[in-house]
Amino acid sequence: MSQVEFEMACASLKQLKGPVSDQEKLLVYSFYKQATQGDCNIPVPPATDVRAKAKWEAWNVNKGMSKMDAMRIYIAKVEELKKNECG
């Protein structure tokens, strides 16, 4: 597992053409943020900003996870999404 594999997964995610559920998008987002920035370090958005709050909550769930573990899970999730698109 390397930075190159992670970057390739990031690029291939952008090329997916099939529908990706909001839940899957949040999951992938949360592992991307954990892999690139570490633990969530921004204040909780107001409840009225539903989208920002959902993204914050998804990222914050990964608190304490190493960047390498988050990269591994991110790559695996992108691979899963690619397989679902083809199958």
N, C-alpha and C. Protein backbone atom coordinates (compact mmCIF):
# COMPACT_ATOMS: atom_id res chain seq x y z
N MET A 1 0.86 -1.18 0.00
CA MET A 1 0.00 0.00 0.00
C MET A 1 0.90 1.23 0.00
N SER A 2 0.65 2.12 -0.94
CA SER A 2 1.51 3.29 -1.06
C SER A 2 0.69 4.54 -1.37
N GLN A 3 1.36 5.65 -1.29
CA GLN A 3 0.74 6.93 -1.64
C GLN A 3 0.26 6.91 -3.08
N VAL A 4 1.02 6.26 -3.95
CA VAL A 4 0.66 6.18 -5.38
C VAL A 4 -0.66 5.43 -5.54
N GLU A 5 -0.81 4.30 -4.84
CA GLU A 5 -2.06 3.54 -4.91
C GLU A 5 -3.24 4.39 -4.42
N PHE A 6 -3.00 5.15 -3.36
CA PHE A 6 -4.03 6.03 -2.82
C PHE A 6 -4.43 7.08 -3.85
N GLU A 7 -3.44 7.70 -4.47
CA GLU A 7 -3.71 8.74 -5.47
C GLU A 7 -4.43 8.15 -6.70
N MET A 8 -4.07 6.91 -7.06
CA MET A 8 -4.75 6.25 -8.18
C MET A 8 -6.21 5.97 -7.83
N ALA A 9 -6.46 5.59 -6.58
CA ALA A 9 -7.84 5.35 -6.13
C ALA A 9 -8.63 6.66 -6.16
N CYS A 10 -8.00 7.75 -5.74
CA CYS A 10 -8.66 9.07 -5.78
C CYS A 10 -9.06 9.42 -7.21
N ALA A 11 -8.15 9.17 -8.15
CA ALA A 11 -8.41 9.49 -9.56
C ALA A 11 -9.50 8.59 -10.12
N SER A 12 -9.46 7.30 -9.79
CA SER A 12 -10.47 6.39 -10.35
C SER A 12 -11.85 6.65 -9.77
N LEU A 13 -11.92 7.14 -8.55
CA LEU A 13 -13.21 7.48 -7.95
C LEU A 13 -13.91 8.56 -8.77
N LYS A 14 -13.13 9.53 -9.23
CA LYS A 14 -13.69 10.64 -10.01
C LYS A 14 -14.21 10.17 -11.37
N GLN A 15 -13.75 9.01 -11.83
CA GLN A 15 -14.15 8.51 -13.15
C GLN A 15 -15.35 7.56 -13.10
N LEU A 16 -15.82 7.25 -11.88
CA LEU A 16 -17.00 6.38 -11.78
C LEU A 16 -18.19 7.04 -12.46
N LYS A 17 -18.90 6.25 -13.24
CA LYS A 17 -20.04 6.80 -13.96
C LYS A 17 -21.37 6.38 -13.35
N GLY A 18 -21.36 5.27 -12.64
CA GLY A 18 -22.60 4.75 -12.05
C GLY A 18 -23.01 5.58 -10.84
N PRO A 19 -24.26 5.39 -10.42
CA PRO A 19 -24.74 6.12 -9.24
C PRO A 19 -24.06 5.62 -7.96
N VAL A 20 -23.69 6.54 -7.11
CA VAL A 20 -23.11 6.22 -5.80
C VAL A 20 -24.04 6.84 -4.76
N SER A 21 -24.47 6.03 -3.81
CA SER A 21 -25.42 6.53 -2.80
C SER A 21 -24.77 7.61 -1.93
N ASP A 22 -25.59 8.44 -1.34
CA ASP A 22 -25.08 9.48 -0.44
C ASP A 22 -24.31 8.85 0.72
N GLN A 23 -24.78 7.70 1.21
CA GLN A 23 -24.11 7.03 2.32
C GLN A 23 -22.71 6.58 1.91
N GLU A 24 -22.60 6.03 0.70
CA GLU A 24 -21.28 5.61 0.21
C GLU A 24 -20.36 6.81 0.00
N LYS A 25 -20.92 7.89 -0.52
CA LYS A 25 -20.12 9.12 -0.71
C LYS A 25 -19.57 9.61 0.62
N LEU A 26 -20.42 9.62 1.65
CA LEU A 26 -19.98 10.06 2.97
C LEU A 26 -18.89 9.15 3.53
N LEU A 27 -19.06 7.85 3.33
CA LEU A 27 -18.08 6.90 3.82
C LEU A 27 -16.72 7.12 3.16
N VAL A 28 -16.73 7.23 1.84
CA VAL A 28 -15.48 7.45 1.10
C VAL A 28 -14.86 8.79 1.52
N TYR A 29 -15.70 9.82 1.62
CA TYR A 29 -15.23 11.14 2.06
C TYR A 29 -14.55 11.05 3.43
N SER A 30 -15.18 10.32 4.35
CA SER A 30 -14.64 10.26 5.72
C SER A 30 -13.26 9.61 5.75
N PHE A 31 -13.06 8.57 4.94
CA PHE A 31 -11.74 7.92 4.92
C PHE A 31 -10.72 8.78 4.17
N TYR A 32 -11.17 9.51 3.16
CA TYR A 32 -10.26 10.43 2.45
C TYR A 32 -9.75 11.50 3.41
N LYS A 33 -10.68 12.11 4.15
CA LYS A 33 -10.28 13.17 5.09
C LYS A 33 -9.35 12.62 6.18
N GLN A 34 -9.66 11.43 6.68
CA GLN A 34 -8.82 10.83 7.72
C GLN A 34 -7.44 10.52 7.17
N ALA A 35 -7.38 10.04 5.93
CA ALA A 35 -6.10 9.68 5.31
C ALA A 35 -5.26 10.91 5.00
N THR A 36 -5.89 12.00 4.63
CA THR A 36 -5.13 13.18 4.21
C THR A 36 -4.90 14.19 5.33
N GLN A 37 -5.83 14.25 6.31
CA GLN A 37 -5.70 15.27 7.35
C GLN A 37 -5.65 14.73 8.77
N GLY A 38 -5.95 13.45 8.94
CA GLY A 38 -5.96 12.89 10.30
C GLY A 38 -7.29 13.17 10.97
N ASP A 39 -7.27 13.19 12.30
CA ASP A 39 -8.51 13.38 13.06
C ASP A 39 -9.20 14.69 12.70
N CYS A 40 -10.52 14.64 12.76
CA CYS A 40 -11.36 15.81 12.49
C CYS A 40 -10.93 16.95 13.41
N ASN A 41 -10.61 18.09 12.81
CA ASN A 41 -10.04 19.20 13.60
C ASN A 41 -10.81 20.50 13.38
N ILE A 42 -12.05 20.37 12.96
CA ILE A 42 -12.86 21.57 12.75
C ILE A 42 -14.07 21.51 13.68
N PRO A 43 -14.61 22.67 14.05
CA PRO A 43 -15.77 22.66 14.94
C PRO A 43 -17.01 22.07 14.26
N VAL A 44 -17.91 21.55 15.07
CA VAL A 44 -19.15 20.98 14.55
C VAL A 44 -19.95 22.08 13.85
N PRO A 45 -20.36 21.83 12.60
CA PRO A 45 -21.20 22.82 11.91
C PRO A 45 -22.58 22.89 12.57
N PRO A 46 -23.28 23.98 12.36
CA PRO A 46 -24.62 24.08 12.95
C PRO A 46 -25.56 23.03 12.36
N ALA A 47 -26.52 22.59 13.14
CA ALA A 47 -27.48 21.57 12.70
C ALA A 47 -28.26 22.02 11.47
N THR A 48 -28.36 23.32 11.26
CA THR A 48 -29.10 23.83 10.11
C THR A 48 -28.35 23.58 8.80
N ASP A 49 -27.03 23.37 8.88
CA ASP A 49 -26.24 23.04 7.69
C ASP A 49 -26.13 21.52 7.62
N VAL A 50 -27.19 20.90 7.13
CA VAL A 50 -27.32 19.44 7.17
C VAL A 50 -26.17 18.74 6.45
N ARG A 51 -25.82 19.23 5.27
CA ARG A 51 -24.75 18.58 4.49
C ARG A 51 -23.41 18.64 5.20
N ALA A 52 -23.05 19.83 5.67
CA ALA A 52 -21.77 20.00 6.37
C ALA A 52 -21.73 19.17 7.66
N LYS A 53 -22.86 19.12 8.37
CA LYS A 53 -22.93 18.35 9.62
C LYS A 53 -22.77 16.86 9.33
N ALA A 54 -23.38 16.36 8.26
CA ALA A 54 -23.27 14.94 7.89
C ALA A 54 -21.82 14.61 7.54
N LYS A 55 -21.16 15.49 6.81
CA LYS A 55 -19.76 15.27 6.44
C LYS A 55 -18.88 15.28 7.69
N TRP A 56 -19.13 16.22 8.61
CA TRP A 56 -18.35 16.32 9.84
C TRP A 56 -18.52 15.05 10.67
N GLU A 57 -19.77 14.60 10.81
CA GLU A 57 -20.04 13.40 11.61
C GLU A 57 -19.38 12.18 11.00
N ALA A 58 -19.43 12.05 9.67
CA ALA A 58 -18.81 10.91 9.00
C ALA A 58 -17.30 10.89 9.25
N TRP A 59 -16.66 12.04 9.14
CA TRP A 59 -15.21 12.14 9.36
C TRP A 59 -14.88 11.89 10.82
N ASN A 60 -15.64 12.46 11.73
CA ASN A 60 -15.34 12.38 13.16
C ASN A 60 -15.43 10.95 13.69
N VAL A 61 -16.22 10.10 13.05
CA VAL A 61 -16.35 8.70 13.46
C VAL A 61 -14.98 8.00 13.39
N ASN A 62 -14.12 8.44 12.50
CA ASN A 62 -12.81 7.81 12.30
C ASN A 62 -11.73 8.31 13.25
N LYS A 63 -12.10 9.14 14.21
CA LYS A 63 -11.13 9.71 15.15
C LYS A 63 -10.26 8.61 15.76
N GLY A 64 -8.95 8.82 15.72
CA GLY A 64 -8.02 7.86 16.29
C GLY A 64 -7.48 6.86 15.28
N MET A 65 -8.10 6.76 14.10
CA MET A 65 -7.62 5.85 13.06
C MET A 65 -6.37 6.43 12.43
N SER A 66 -5.38 5.57 12.16
CA SER A 66 -4.16 6.07 11.53
C SER A 66 -4.43 6.46 10.08
N LYS A 67 -3.59 7.35 9.56
CA LYS A 67 -3.74 7.76 8.16
C LYS A 67 -3.54 6.57 7.23
N MET A 68 -2.62 5.67 7.56
CA MET A 68 -2.37 4.50 6.72
C MET A 68 -3.58 3.57 6.69
N ASP A 69 -4.20 3.34 7.84
CA ASP A 69 -5.40 2.50 7.88
C ASP A 69 -6.51 3.13 7.05
N ALA A 70 -6.67 4.44 7.18
CA ALA A 70 -7.71 5.14 6.42
C ALA A 70 -7.43 5.03 4.92
N MET A 71 -6.17 5.12 4.51
CA MET A 71 -5.81 4.96 3.10
C MET A 71 -6.18 3.57 2.61
N ARG A 72 -5.85 2.55 3.40
CA ARG A 72 -6.16 1.16 3.02
C ARG A 72 -7.66 0.97 2.83
N ILE A 73 -8.44 1.47 3.77
CA ILE A 73 -9.90 1.31 3.69
C ILE A 73 -10.46 2.10 2.52
N TYR A 74 -9.93 3.30 2.30
CA TYR A 74 -10.37 4.13 1.17
C TYR A 74 -10.14 3.40 -0.14
N ILE A 75 -8.95 2.85 -0.33
CA ILE A 75 -8.62 2.12 -1.56
C ILE A 75 -9.56 0.93 -1.74
N ALA A 76 -9.79 0.18 -0.66
CA ALA A 76 -10.68 -0.98 -0.73
C ALA A 76 -12.10 -0.56 -1.10
N LYS A 77 -12.57 0.54 -0.52
CA LYS A 77 -13.94 1.01 -0.80
C LYS A 77 -14.06 1.46 -2.25
N VAL A 78 -13.06 2.15 -2.77
CA VAL A 78 -13.09 2.59 -4.17
C VAL A 78 -13.09 1.37 -5.10
N GLU A 79 -12.29 0.36 -4.76
CA GLU A 79 -12.27 -0.87 -5.56
C GLU A 79 -13.64 -1.53 -5.56
N GLU A 80 -14.28 -1.55 -4.40
CA GLU A 80 -15.63 -2.12 -4.27
C GLU A 80 -16.62 -1.36 -5.15
N LEU A 81 -16.55 -0.05 -5.13
CA LEU A 81 -17.45 0.77 -5.94
C LEU A 81 -17.21 0.53 -7.44
N LYS A 82 -15.95 0.36 -7.82
CA LYS A 82 -15.61 0.09 -9.22
C LYS A 82 -16.19 -1.26 -9.65
N LYS A 83 -16.08 -2.28 -8.79
CA LYS A 83 -16.62 -3.60 -9.10
C LYS A 83 -18.14 -3.54 -9.25
N ASN A 84 -18.79 -2.82 -8.33
CA ASN A 84 -20.26 -2.70 -8.39
C ASN A 84 -20.72 -2.02 -9.66
N GLU A 85 -19.91 -1.09 -10.15
CA GLU A 85 -20.25 -0.37 -11.37
C GLU A 85 -20.18 -1.30 -12.59
N CYS A 86 -19.20 -2.18 -12.58
CA CYS A 86 -19.01 -3.10 -13.71
C CYS A 86 -19.98 -4.27 -13.66
N GLY A 87 -20.39 -4.66 -12.45
CA GLY A 87 -21.20 -5.87 -12.32
C GLY A 87 -22.63 -5.56 -12.31
